[in-house]
């Protein structure tokens, strides 16, 4: 299981930063951004390999389930 930043959104934010720098903004003047979207991902294959049972309620709230 992992709970972390959505990588697609993080890459989009990086692209926005690069665009602003290419347009002349100074990197030191750009604000530090926090992730705006987080994901909860469960890997069932790994859970089964470790003989772990994931409750259905936990599976229901996951953003992505890898099988």
Protein backbone atom coordinates (compact mmCIF):
# COMPACT_ATOMS: atom_id res chain seq x y z
CA UNK A 1 0.00 0.00 0.00
CA UNK A 2 1.15 3.52 -0.62
CA UNK A 3 -0.33 6.92 -0.08
CA UNK A 4 1.41 9.66 -1.97
CA UNK A 5 1.42 12.37 -4.57
CA UNK A 6 -0.16 11.76 -7.95
CA UNK A 7 2.84 11.58 -10.29
CA UNK A 8 0.94 12.89 -13.29
CA UNK A 9 0.05 16.07 -11.41
CA UNK A 10 3.63 16.40 -10.14
CA UNK A 11 4.97 16.19 -13.70
CA UNK A 12 2.43 18.79 -14.85
CA UNK A 13 3.58 21.14 -12.08
CA UNK A 14 7.18 20.57 -13.15
CA UNK A 15 6.26 21.42 -16.72
CA UNK A 16 4.60 24.63 -15.55
CA UNK A 17 7.77 25.58 -13.67
CA UNK A 18 9.92 24.92 -16.74
CA UNK A 19 7.57 27.01 -18.87
CA UNK A 20 7.74 29.91 -16.43
CA UNK A 21 11.56 29.73 -16.34
CA UNK A 22 11.76 29.64 -20.14
CA UNK A 23 9.57 32.76 -20.23
CA UNK A 24 12.10 34.59 -18.04
CA UNK A 25 11.06 33.97 -14.43
CA UNK A 26 13.89 33.56 -11.95
CA UNK A 27 13.83 30.09 -10.31
CA UNK A 28 14.52 31.64 -6.90
CA UNK A 29 11.35 33.73 -7.21
CA UNK A 30 9.06 30.77 -7.94
CA UNK A 31 7.04 29.43 -5.00
CA UNK A 32 7.51 25.95 -3.63
CA UNK A 33 4.42 23.90 -4.47
CA UNK A 34 2.90 21.08 -2.48
CA UNK A 35 1.15 18.15 -4.18
CA UNK A 36 -2.49 18.99 -4.75
CA UNK A 37 -3.71 15.44 -5.36
CA UNK A 38 -2.74 12.29 -3.49
CA UNK A 39 -3.51 8.66 -4.30
CA UNK A 40 -4.00 5.52 -2.25
CA UNK A 41 -2.73 2.46 -4.14
CA UNK A 42 -2.89 -1.19 -3.04
CA UNK A 43 -0.81 -3.94 -4.67
CA UNK A 44 -2.74 -7.19 -4.17
CA UNK A 45 -0.07 -9.37 -5.77
CA UNK A 46 2.48 -8.26 -3.18
CA UNK A 47 -0.05 -8.59 -0.36
CA UNK A 48 -0.78 -12.18 -1.41
CA UNK A 49 2.96 -12.94 -1.65
CA UNK A 50 3.26 -11.90 2.02
CA UNK A 51 0.11 -13.82 3.01
CA UNK A 52 -1.73 -10.63 3.88
CA UNK A 53 -5.48 -10.21 3.56
CA UNK A 54 -6.70 -6.79 2.53
CA UNK A 55 -10.16 -5.99 3.91
CA UNK A 56 -12.82 -5.18 1.29
CA UNK A 57 -13.50 -1.82 2.94
CA UNK A 58 -9.88 -0.84 2.36
CA UNK A 59 -10.07 -1.96 -1.26
CA UNK A 60 -13.21 0.13 -1.70
CA UNK A 61 -11.48 3.39 -0.74
CA UNK A 62 -8.33 2.79 -2.79
CA UNK A 63 -7.79 4.99 -5.83
CA UNK A 64 -6.04 2.15 -7.64
CA UNK A 65 -5.74 -1.60 -6.99
CA UNK A 66 -2.94 -3.50 -8.72
CA UNK A 67 -3.57 -7.20 -9.24
